N, C-alpha and C. Protein backbone atom coordinates (compact mmCIF):
# COMPACT_ATOMS: atom_id res chain seq x y z
N MET A 1 107.64 32.45 -6.00
CA MET A 1 106.87 31.16 -6.51
C MET A 1 106.74 29.81 -5.77
N ILE A 2 105.74 29.47 -5.21
CA ILE A 2 105.62 28.05 -4.52
C ILE A 2 104.47 27.15 -5.44
N VAL A 3 105.20 25.89 -5.86
CA VAL A 3 104.43 24.90 -6.74
C VAL A 3 104.32 23.87 -5.98
N LEU A 4 102.93 23.82 -5.94
CA LEU A 4 102.08 22.55 -5.53
C LEU A 4 101.75 21.18 -5.90
N LEU A 5 102.86 20.35 -5.48
CA LEU A 5 102.82 19.33 -6.73
C LEU A 5 101.54 18.14 -6.45
N VAL A 6 101.42 18.00 -7.96
CA VAL A 6 100.27 16.65 -7.14
C VAL A 6 100.13 15.93 -8.11
N GLY A 7 100.08 14.61 -8.25
CA GLY A 7 99.88 12.93 -9.28
C GLY A 7 99.80 12.27 -8.41
N MET A 8 99.64 11.25 -9.15
CA MET A 8 99.32 9.96 -8.65
C MET A 8 100.91 9.07 -8.42
N PRO A 9 101.09 7.55 -7.23
CA PRO A 9 102.12 7.53 -7.22
C PRO A 9 102.62 6.79 -8.24
N GLY A 10 103.65 7.39 -8.73
CA GLY A 10 104.44 6.68 -10.41
C GLY A 10 104.25 7.46 -11.63
N SER A 11 103.57 8.84 -10.88
CA SER A 11 103.38 9.95 -12.42
C SER A 11 104.39 10.50 -13.06
N GLY A 12 105.54 10.62 -11.97
CA GLY A 12 106.58 11.39 -12.36
C GLY A 12 106.93 12.43 -11.63
N LYS A 13 106.31 12.72 -9.93
CA LYS A 13 106.82 13.82 -9.14
C LYS A 13 108.27 13.78 -8.95
N GLU A 14 108.80 12.26 -8.81
CA GLU A 14 110.26 12.61 -8.42
C GLU A 14 111.30 13.46 -9.39
N GLU A 15 110.89 12.88 -10.52
CA GLU A 15 112.05 13.64 -11.75
C GLU A 15 111.24 14.97 -11.74
N PHE A 16 110.23 15.61 -12.24
CA PHE A 16 109.88 16.74 -11.53
C PHE A 16 110.48 17.69 -10.74
N LYS A 17 110.85 16.99 -9.77
CA LYS A 17 111.47 17.25 -8.43
C LYS A 17 113.23 17.59 -8.58
N LYS A 18 113.97 16.67 -9.46
CA LYS A 18 115.22 16.44 -9.54
C LYS A 18 115.36 17.96 -10.54
N VAL A 19 114.43 17.43 -11.82
CA VAL A 19 114.70 18.73 -12.47
C VAL A 19 114.43 19.97 -11.66
N ALA A 20 113.45 20.62 -10.67
CA ALA A 20 113.60 21.70 -10.44
C ALA A 20 114.71 22.50 -9.55
N MET A 21 114.97 20.83 -8.97
CA MET A 21 116.89 21.55 -8.26
C MET A 21 117.58 21.44 -9.21
N GLU A 22 117.65 20.90 -10.31
CA GLU A 22 118.65 21.06 -11.13
C GLU A 22 118.51 22.93 -11.40
N LEU A 23 117.72 23.78 -11.77
CA LEU A 23 116.75 24.62 -11.68
C LEU A 23 117.23 25.96 -10.84
N GLY A 24 117.47 25.02 -9.56
CA GLY A 24 117.96 26.30 -8.28
C GLY A 24 116.49 26.18 -7.69
N TRP A 25 115.83 25.34 -7.80
CA TRP A 25 114.37 25.34 -6.64
C TRP A 25 114.93 24.60 -5.27
N GLU A 26 114.49 25.12 -4.40
CA GLU A 26 114.41 24.14 -3.13
C GLU A 26 113.22 22.57 -3.06
N VAL A 27 112.93 22.32 -2.78
CA VAL A 27 112.00 20.72 -2.94
C VAL A 27 111.96 20.84 -1.40
N VAL A 28 110.51 20.18 -1.22
CA VAL A 28 110.25 19.71 -0.08
C VAL A 28 108.76 18.50 -0.15
N SER A 29 109.23 17.47 0.32
CA SER A 29 108.68 16.16 -0.07
C SER A 29 107.67 16.02 1.14
N MET A 30 106.75 15.87 1.06
CA MET A 30 105.32 16.23 2.65
C MET A 30 105.34 14.09 2.34
N GLY A 31 105.68 13.24 1.60
CA GLY A 31 106.15 12.18 1.56
C GLY A 31 107.02 11.68 3.03
N ASP A 32 108.21 12.65 2.42
CA ASP A 32 109.09 12.49 3.73
C ASP A 32 109.50 12.82 4.81
N VAL A 33 107.96 13.13 5.15
CA VAL A 33 107.79 14.53 6.45
C VAL A 33 106.86 12.92 6.82
N VAL A 34 106.38 12.33 6.06
CA VAL A 34 105.09 11.18 7.16
C VAL A 34 106.14 9.65 7.18
N ARG A 35 107.43 9.87 6.33
CA ARG A 35 107.93 8.40 5.99
C ARG A 35 108.73 9.02 7.30
N ASN A 36 109.74 9.67 7.85
CA ASN A 36 109.84 10.64 9.03
C ASN A 36 109.26 9.86 10.64
N TYR A 37 108.03 10.36 10.24
CA TYR A 37 107.42 10.24 11.49
C TYR A 37 106.66 8.69 11.98
N THR A 38 106.67 7.71 10.47
CA THR A 38 106.14 6.73 10.55
C THR A 38 107.77 5.84 11.12
N THR A 39 108.85 6.32 10.87
CA THR A 39 110.09 5.80 11.24
C THR A 39 109.94 6.22 12.78
N SER A 40 109.62 7.56 13.49
CA SER A 40 109.87 8.06 14.89
C SER A 40 108.73 7.31 15.63
N LEU A 41 107.61 6.08 15.39
CA LEU A 41 107.25 5.86 15.86
C LEU A 41 107.48 3.89 15.92
N GLY A 42 108.66 4.15 15.45
CA GLY A 42 109.09 3.09 15.93
C GLY A 42 108.62 1.86 14.81
N LEU A 43 107.93 2.37 13.90
CA LEU A 43 107.54 1.00 12.64
C LEU A 43 108.56 0.80 10.95
N GLU A 44 108.53 -0.13 10.73
CA GLU A 44 109.02 -0.49 9.87
C GLU A 44 108.86 0.54 8.20
N LEU A 45 109.57 0.78 7.48
CA LEU A 45 109.37 1.80 6.24
C LEU A 45 108.73 0.67 5.64
N ASN A 46 107.25 0.37 5.47
CA ASN A 46 106.86 -0.07 4.23
C ASN A 46 105.74 0.55 3.73
N GLU A 47 104.82 -0.02 2.31
CA GLU A 47 103.54 1.11 2.30
C GLU A 47 102.89 0.59 3.17
N LYS A 48 102.63 -0.61 3.55
CA LYS A 48 101.62 -0.54 4.50
C LYS A 48 101.48 0.12 6.09
N ASN A 49 102.75 0.22 6.44
CA ASN A 49 102.63 1.38 7.51
C ASN A 49 102.74 2.78 7.29
N VAL A 50 103.09 2.78 5.98
CA VAL A 50 103.56 4.67 5.92
C VAL A 50 101.86 5.04 5.75
N GLY A 51 100.84 4.05 4.58
CA GLY A 51 99.92 4.77 4.21
C GLY A 51 98.71 4.83 5.72
N SER A 52 99.06 3.34 6.64
CA SER A 52 98.40 3.20 7.87
C SER A 52 98.73 5.06 8.64
N VAL A 53 99.45 4.77 8.53
CA VAL A 53 100.38 6.33 9.73
C VAL A 53 99.48 7.36 8.58
N ALA A 54 99.65 7.70 7.81
CA ALA A 54 99.15 8.97 6.74
C ALA A 54 97.52 8.88 7.21
N SER A 55 97.10 7.82 6.96
CA SER A 55 95.70 7.88 7.10
C SER A 55 95.36 8.54 8.21
N SER A 56 95.50 7.50 9.79
CA SER A 56 95.66 7.25 11.01
C SER A 56 95.39 8.93 11.45
N GLU A 57 96.37 9.81 10.70
CA GLU A 57 96.95 11.03 11.39
C GLU A 57 95.98 12.00 10.80
N ARG A 58 95.36 11.95 9.26
CA ARG A 58 94.28 12.60 8.80
C ARG A 58 93.49 12.49 9.64
N GLU A 59 92.73 11.30 9.98
CA GLU A 59 91.45 11.20 10.70
C GLU A 59 91.77 11.89 12.07
N THR A 60 92.12 11.72 12.72
CA THR A 60 92.63 12.16 14.09
C THR A 60 92.83 13.37 13.97
N LYS A 61 93.94 13.86 13.16
CA LYS A 61 94.15 15.64 13.27
C LYS A 61 93.96 16.65 12.13
N GLY A 62 93.17 16.03 11.64
CA GLY A 62 92.63 16.91 10.36
C GLY A 62 93.53 16.36 9.02
N MET A 63 92.46 16.65 7.78
CA MET A 63 93.12 16.33 6.23
C MET A 63 94.67 17.14 5.95
N ASP A 64 94.27 18.30 6.82
CA ASP A 64 95.62 19.01 6.36
C ASP A 64 96.75 18.72 7.45
N ILE A 65 97.16 17.81 8.41
CA ILE A 65 97.89 17.56 9.15
C ILE A 65 99.08 17.47 8.50
N TRP A 66 99.40 16.92 7.48
CA TRP A 66 100.75 16.68 6.59
C TRP A 66 101.02 18.19 5.85
N ALA A 67 100.45 18.71 5.59
CA ALA A 67 100.75 20.10 5.56
C ALA A 67 101.39 20.90 6.49
N ARG A 68 100.40 20.77 7.66
CA ARG A 68 101.04 21.66 8.76
C ARG A 68 102.27 21.18 9.22
N ARG A 69 102.87 20.06 8.81
CA ARG A 69 103.60 19.55 9.61
C ARG A 69 104.73 20.02 8.30
N THR A 70 104.79 19.93 7.43
CA THR A 70 105.78 20.32 6.55
C THR A 70 105.60 22.06 6.23
N LEU A 71 104.87 22.85 6.40
CA LEU A 71 105.01 23.68 6.48
C LEU A 71 106.72 24.57 7.09
N GLU A 72 106.83 24.13 7.91
CA GLU A 72 107.77 24.52 8.94
C GLU A 72 109.41 24.12 7.90
N LYS A 73 109.15 23.44 6.79
CA LYS A 73 110.36 23.10 6.37
C LYS A 73 110.77 23.85 5.04
N ILE A 74 109.76 25.10 4.99
CA ILE A 74 109.68 25.38 3.55
C ILE A 74 110.00 27.04 3.83
N LYS A 75 111.50 27.23 3.42
CA LYS A 75 112.12 27.94 3.73
C LYS A 75 112.50 29.32 2.66
N ASN A 76 112.44 28.99 1.21
CA ASN A 76 112.54 29.71 0.23
C ASN A 76 111.26 30.20 -0.17
N LYS A 77 111.58 31.77 -1.26
CA LYS A 77 110.06 31.32 -1.61
C LYS A 77 110.37 31.08 -3.16
N LYS A 78 111.11 30.30 -3.68
CA LYS A 78 110.85 29.42 -4.31
C LYS A 78 111.31 27.90 -4.55
N THR A 79 110.27 27.68 -4.22
CA THR A 79 109.72 25.94 -3.53
C THR A 79 108.81 25.24 -4.45
N VAL A 80 109.34 23.71 -4.37
CA VAL A 80 108.43 22.84 -4.59
C VAL A 80 107.88 21.92 -3.76
N VAL A 81 106.81 22.43 -3.43
CA VAL A 81 105.99 21.49 -2.32
C VAL A 81 105.51 19.63 -2.82
N ASP A 82 106.06 18.92 -2.66
CA ASP A 82 105.38 17.41 -3.70
C ASP A 82 104.98 16.61 -2.19
N GLY A 83 103.28 16.21 -2.69
CA GLY A 83 103.09 15.32 -2.09
C GLY A 83 101.16 15.77 -1.89
N ILE A 84 100.83 16.69 -2.38
CA ILE A 84 99.49 17.29 -2.03
C ILE A 84 98.74 16.49 -2.43
N ARG A 85 97.80 15.47 -0.96
CA ARG A 85 96.63 14.62 -1.27
C ARG A 85 95.26 15.04 -1.47
N ASN A 86 94.91 16.19 -0.85
CA ASN A 86 93.28 16.49 -0.59
C ASN A 86 93.53 18.59 -0.33
N ARG A 87 92.14 18.91 -0.81
CA ARG A 87 92.13 20.15 -1.04
C ARG A 87 92.19 21.02 0.49
N GLU A 88 92.43 20.12 1.39
CA GLU A 88 92.54 21.29 2.53
C GLU A 88 94.12 21.39 3.04
N GLU A 89 94.86 20.53 2.32
CA GLU A 89 96.68 20.36 2.29
C GLU A 89 96.52 21.90 1.20
N VAL A 90 95.93 21.81 0.22
CA VAL A 90 96.27 23.23 -0.99
C VAL A 90 95.25 24.24 0.03
N GLU A 91 94.39 24.45 0.85
CA GLU A 91 93.91 25.19 1.19
C GLU A 91 94.64 26.09 2.50
N PHE A 92 95.02 25.22 3.22
CA PHE A 92 95.73 25.49 4.02
C PHE A 92 97.67 26.29 3.85
N PHE A 93 97.93 25.58 2.61
CA PHE A 93 99.15 26.80 1.96
C PHE A 93 98.62 27.62 1.34
N LYS A 94 97.28 28.06 0.47
CA LYS A 94 97.29 29.18 0.25
C LYS A 94 97.29 30.03 1.57
N LYS A 95 96.82 29.63 2.34
CA LYS A 95 96.57 30.40 3.62
C LYS A 95 97.64 31.01 4.09
N ASN A 96 98.53 30.26 3.92
CA ASN A 96 100.13 30.59 5.07
C ASN A 96 101.40 30.74 4.01
N LEU A 97 101.25 30.76 2.63
CA LEU A 97 102.27 30.91 1.85
C LEU A 97 101.98 31.86 0.88
N GLY A 98 100.61 32.46 0.76
CA GLY A 98 99.94 33.84 -0.47
C GLY A 98 99.63 33.08 -1.43
N GLU A 99 99.30 34.30 -2.85
CA GLU A 99 98.98 33.95 -3.36
C GLU A 99 100.07 33.79 -4.63
N LYS A 100 101.16 33.49 -4.67
CA LYS A 100 102.31 33.11 -5.53
C LYS A 100 102.47 31.79 -5.48
N LEU A 101 101.50 30.72 -5.76
CA LEU A 101 101.00 29.98 -5.28
C LEU A 101 100.74 28.94 -6.76
N VAL A 102 100.68 27.72 -7.03
CA VAL A 102 100.46 27.26 -8.33
C VAL A 102 100.40 25.85 -8.53
N LEU A 103 98.89 24.63 -8.56
CA LEU A 103 99.20 23.75 -8.40
C LEU A 103 99.41 23.15 -9.68
N VAL A 104 100.23 22.19 -9.36
CA VAL A 104 100.76 21.33 -10.80
C VAL A 104 100.41 20.12 -10.79
N ALA A 105 99.70 19.25 -11.77
CA ALA A 105 99.74 18.13 -11.58
C ALA A 105 100.00 16.97 -12.16
N ILE A 106 101.06 15.87 -12.45
CA ILE A 106 101.80 15.08 -13.27
C ILE A 106 100.57 13.84 -13.41
N LEU A 107 100.48 13.77 -15.18
CA LEU A 107 99.50 12.76 -15.04
C LEU A 107 100.00 12.02 -16.02
N SER A 108 99.77 10.37 -15.24
CA SER A 108 100.50 9.22 -16.46
C SER A 108 99.12 8.16 -16.29
N SER A 109 99.11 7.31 -17.20
CA SER A 109 98.46 6.02 -16.96
C SER A 109 98.56 5.06 -15.94
N GLU A 110 97.80 4.51 -15.67
CA GLU A 110 97.75 3.50 -14.73
C GLU A 110 98.78 2.27 -15.58
N LYS A 111 99.11 1.87 -16.23
CA LYS A 111 99.98 1.03 -16.86
C LYS A 111 101.39 1.34 -16.46
N THR A 112 101.80 2.84 -17.09
CA THR A 112 102.84 3.48 -16.57
C THR A 112 103.12 3.35 -15.33
N ARG A 113 102.59 4.08 -14.62
CA ARG A 113 102.89 4.01 -13.36
C ARG A 113 103.00 2.86 -12.81
N PHE A 114 102.25 1.76 -12.82
CA PHE A 114 103.23 0.57 -12.07
C PHE A 114 104.43 0.11 -12.18
N GLN A 115 104.70 0.00 -14.01
CA GLN A 115 105.68 -0.76 -14.17
C GLN A 115 106.73 0.48 -13.63
N ARG A 116 106.53 2.09 -13.39
CA ARG A 116 107.64 2.68 -12.63
C ARG A 116 107.99 2.21 -11.23
N ILE A 117 106.82 2.31 -10.39
CA ILE A 117 106.90 1.89 -9.42
C ILE A 117 107.87 0.49 -8.93
N ILE A 118 107.23 -0.61 -9.81
CA ILE A 118 107.92 -2.04 -9.57
C ILE A 118 109.55 -2.02 -9.91
N ASN A 119 109.61 -0.75 -11.51
CA ASN A 119 110.85 -0.47 -11.51
C ASN A 119 111.98 0.28 -10.49
N ARG A 120 110.90 1.55 -9.38
CA ARG A 120 111.94 1.90 -8.75
C ARG A 120 112.42 1.10 -7.67
N GLY A 121 111.65 0.61 -6.92
CA GLY A 121 111.65 -0.67 -5.81
C GLY A 121 111.88 0.44 -4.61
N ARG A 122 111.27 1.20 -4.29
CA ARG A 122 111.29 2.50 -2.97
C ARG A 122 110.81 1.46 -1.84
N LEU A 123 111.60 1.17 -0.60
CA LEU A 123 111.31 0.65 0.51
C LEU A 123 109.16 0.44 0.91
N ASP A 124 108.99 1.61 0.58
CA ASP A 124 107.51 2.18 0.80
C ASP A 124 106.54 1.85 -0.47
N ASP A 125 107.30 0.83 -1.39
CA ASP A 125 106.73 0.96 -2.81
C ASP A 125 105.57 -0.36 -2.46
N VAL A 126 104.67 -0.49 -3.38
CA VAL A 126 103.84 -1.28 -3.62
C VAL A 126 104.70 -3.05 -4.14
N LYS A 127 104.29 -3.93 -4.01
CA LYS A 127 105.44 -4.83 -4.18
C LYS A 127 104.57 -5.66 -5.97
N ASN A 128 103.36 -5.86 -5.85
CA ASN A 128 102.45 -6.38 -7.06
C ASN A 128 101.21 -5.09 -7.40
N ILE A 129 100.37 -6.05 -8.37
CA ILE A 129 99.25 -4.69 -8.93
C ILE A 129 98.10 -4.71 -7.47
N GLU A 130 97.72 -5.74 -6.71
CA GLU A 130 96.55 -5.74 -6.20
C GLU A 130 97.10 -4.51 -4.91
N GLU A 131 98.19 -4.14 -4.43
CA GLU A 131 98.86 -3.46 -3.54
C GLU A 131 98.49 -1.95 -4.27
N PHE A 132 99.12 -1.64 -5.29
CA PHE A 132 98.89 -0.93 -6.45
C PHE A 132 97.69 0.15 -6.17
N GLU A 133 96.71 -0.99 -6.88
CA GLU A 133 95.32 -0.55 -6.78
C GLU A 133 94.97 -0.42 -5.32
N GLU A 134 95.22 -0.80 -4.23
CA GLU A 134 94.93 -0.60 -3.27
C GLU A 134 95.13 1.26 -2.31
N ARG A 135 96.70 1.12 -2.95
CA ARG A 135 97.19 2.60 -2.35
C ARG A 135 96.20 3.23 -3.48
N ASP A 136 95.78 2.71 -4.90
CA ASP A 136 94.89 4.47 -5.59
C ASP A 136 93.89 4.40 -4.97
N ARG A 137 93.57 3.14 -4.69
CA ARG A 137 91.93 3.64 -4.10
C ARG A 137 91.85 4.47 -2.38
N ARG A 138 93.10 4.40 -1.91
CA ARG A 138 93.60 5.03 -0.30
C ARG A 138 93.99 6.27 -0.81
N GLU A 139 94.77 6.68 -1.63
CA GLU A 139 95.09 8.34 -1.96
C GLU A 139 93.69 8.74 -2.56
N LEU A 140 92.78 8.38 -3.67
CA LEU A 140 92.04 8.71 -4.28
C LEU A 140 90.95 9.37 -2.94
N SER A 141 90.44 7.91 -1.89
CA SER A 141 89.86 8.69 -0.73
C SER A 141 90.01 9.72 0.09
N TRP A 142 91.29 9.71 0.01
CA TRP A 142 92.29 11.05 0.88
C TRP A 142 91.53 12.56 0.05
N GLY A 143 91.24 12.50 -1.19
CA GLY A 143 90.72 13.23 -1.80
C GLY A 143 91.90 13.99 -3.12
N LEU A 144 92.55 12.83 -3.24
CA LEU A 144 93.90 12.80 -4.53
C LEU A 144 93.48 13.37 -5.90
N GLY A 145 92.07 13.02 -6.54
CA GLY A 145 91.34 12.84 -7.60
C GLY A 145 90.62 14.62 -7.42
N ASN A 146 90.49 14.65 -6.94
CA ASN A 146 89.66 15.87 -6.69
C ASN A 146 90.76 17.38 -6.75
N VAL A 147 91.83 17.17 -5.85
CA VAL A 147 92.95 18.21 -6.47
C VAL A 147 93.62 17.83 -7.66
N ILE A 148 93.63 17.13 -7.73
CA ILE A 148 94.50 16.88 -9.72
C ILE A 148 93.44 17.35 -10.33
N SER A 149 92.04 17.48 -10.35
CA SER A 149 91.40 17.62 -10.74
C SER A 149 90.74 19.16 -11.19
N LYS A 150 91.19 20.25 -9.97
CA LYS A 150 91.90 21.09 -10.00
C LYS A 150 93.20 22.58 -10.06
N SER A 151 93.97 21.65 -10.49
CA SER A 151 95.25 22.11 -10.94
C SER A 151 95.22 23.14 -11.59
N ASP A 152 95.62 24.37 -11.73
CA ASP A 152 96.30 25.46 -12.24
C ASP A 152 96.98 24.66 -13.94
N TYR A 153 98.05 24.09 -13.73
CA TYR A 153 98.47 23.33 -14.95
C TYR A 153 98.74 21.89 -14.88
N PHE A 154 98.48 21.00 -16.03
CA PHE A 154 98.87 19.59 -15.84
C PHE A 154 99.97 19.60 -17.18
N ILE A 155 100.95 18.51 -16.32
CA ILE A 155 101.85 17.77 -17.39
C ILE A 155 101.87 16.32 -17.31
N VAL A 156 102.06 16.01 -18.79
CA VAL A 156 101.82 14.78 -19.06
C VAL A 156 102.92 14.00 -19.06
N ASN A 157 102.91 12.89 -18.68
CA ASN A 157 104.15 11.83 -18.53
C ASN A 157 104.24 10.45 -19.14
N GLU A 158 104.33 10.87 -20.53
CA GLU A 158 103.32 9.20 -21.22
C GLU A 158 105.21 8.81 -22.10
N GLY A 159 105.99 9.83 -22.65
CA GLY A 159 106.65 9.68 -23.26
C GLY A 159 108.08 9.28 -22.53
N THR A 160 109.16 9.74 -23.36
CA THR A 160 110.72 9.37 -22.60
C THR A 160 111.16 10.20 -21.08
N LEU A 161 111.86 9.88 -20.68
CA LEU A 161 112.36 10.69 -19.35
C LEU A 161 112.91 11.91 -20.05
N GLU A 162 114.02 12.04 -21.23
CA GLU A 162 113.74 13.22 -21.52
C GLU A 162 112.85 13.87 -21.91
N GLU A 163 111.81 13.90 -22.61
CA GLU A 163 111.28 14.50 -23.11
C GLU A 163 110.05 15.25 -21.64
N PHE A 164 110.10 14.39 -20.90
CA PHE A 164 109.10 14.49 -19.03
C PHE A 164 110.27 15.79 -18.74
N LYS A 165 111.38 15.88 -19.12
CA LYS A 165 112.16 16.62 -18.22
C LYS A 165 112.30 18.10 -18.86
N GLU A 166 111.95 18.23 -20.48
CA GLU A 166 112.16 18.94 -20.83
C GLU A 166 110.90 19.54 -20.69
N LYS A 167 109.71 19.35 -20.38
CA LYS A 167 108.21 19.60 -20.13
C LYS A 167 108.48 20.47 -19.49
N VAL A 168 109.23 20.35 -17.71
CA VAL A 168 109.40 20.86 -16.57
C VAL A 168 110.25 21.41 -16.62
N ARG A 169 111.41 21.79 -17.39
CA ARG A 169 112.19 22.40 -17.76
C ARG A 169 111.58 23.74 -18.34
N SER A 170 110.89 23.66 -19.18
CA SER A 170 110.15 24.75 -19.97
C SER A 170 108.81 25.26 -18.74
N PHE A 171 108.50 24.25 -18.17
CA PHE A 171 107.25 24.67 -17.37
C PHE A 171 108.33 25.40 -15.53
N LEU A 172 108.70 25.52 -15.66
CA LEU A 172 109.60 25.85 -14.39
C LEU A 172 110.44 27.56 -15.05
N ASN A 173 111.16 27.26 -15.98
CA ASN A 173 111.60 28.54 -16.48
C ASN A 173 109.99 29.81 -16.90
N SER A 174 108.73 29.09 -17.10
CA SER A 174 107.67 30.15 -17.59
C SER A 174 107.85 30.62 -16.48
N LEU A 175 107.56 30.46 -14.83
CA LEU A 175 107.31 31.06 -13.78
C LEU A 175 108.08 31.86 -13.31
N LYS A 176 108.99 32.19 -14.11
CA LYS A 176 110.10 33.58 -13.98
C LYS A 176 108.84 34.51 -14.55
N ASP A 177 108.02 34.84 -15.01
CA ASP A 177 107.69 35.51 -15.70
C ASP A 177 105.77 36.04 -14.15
N CYS A 178 106.02 34.82 -13.88
CA CYS A 178 104.77 35.08 -12.98
C CYS A 178 104.97 36.07 -12.07
């Protein structure tokens, strides 16, 4: 079973992945592929550079470029792939990974997501509301909203961290029957 994980920045994908790893799932992050590629170009790891590289590569090499670069990292049949941003990536993975694949969206409000991003302080994170809104616009322009709307499953992440982790555990355990 392959889980394609989608959600707006700060929705809770990192916490989903932590729970998946605790349950023995392999986790592959498309964002790590983008960040590694950005640093390989000699660019500083920040939100502007990572976003620019991600957009530029999509424009010049196709909307599924990051899926193509991520595929080789998937070694296990029980894998969560994080960072889906458009339908072309979903279609690429469906074509190359088979039918045992589900698309899962993590949903959180804009206010909640912004606060989480400010609190986590990753190098490539936004630093203010203007950058946050710009990042959302950029990611939505890649087709993220369309992918979220077409997801097979939705998990709302507006409560406590433990409540969310329990939702994720329950969801992943339910996939054993698939």
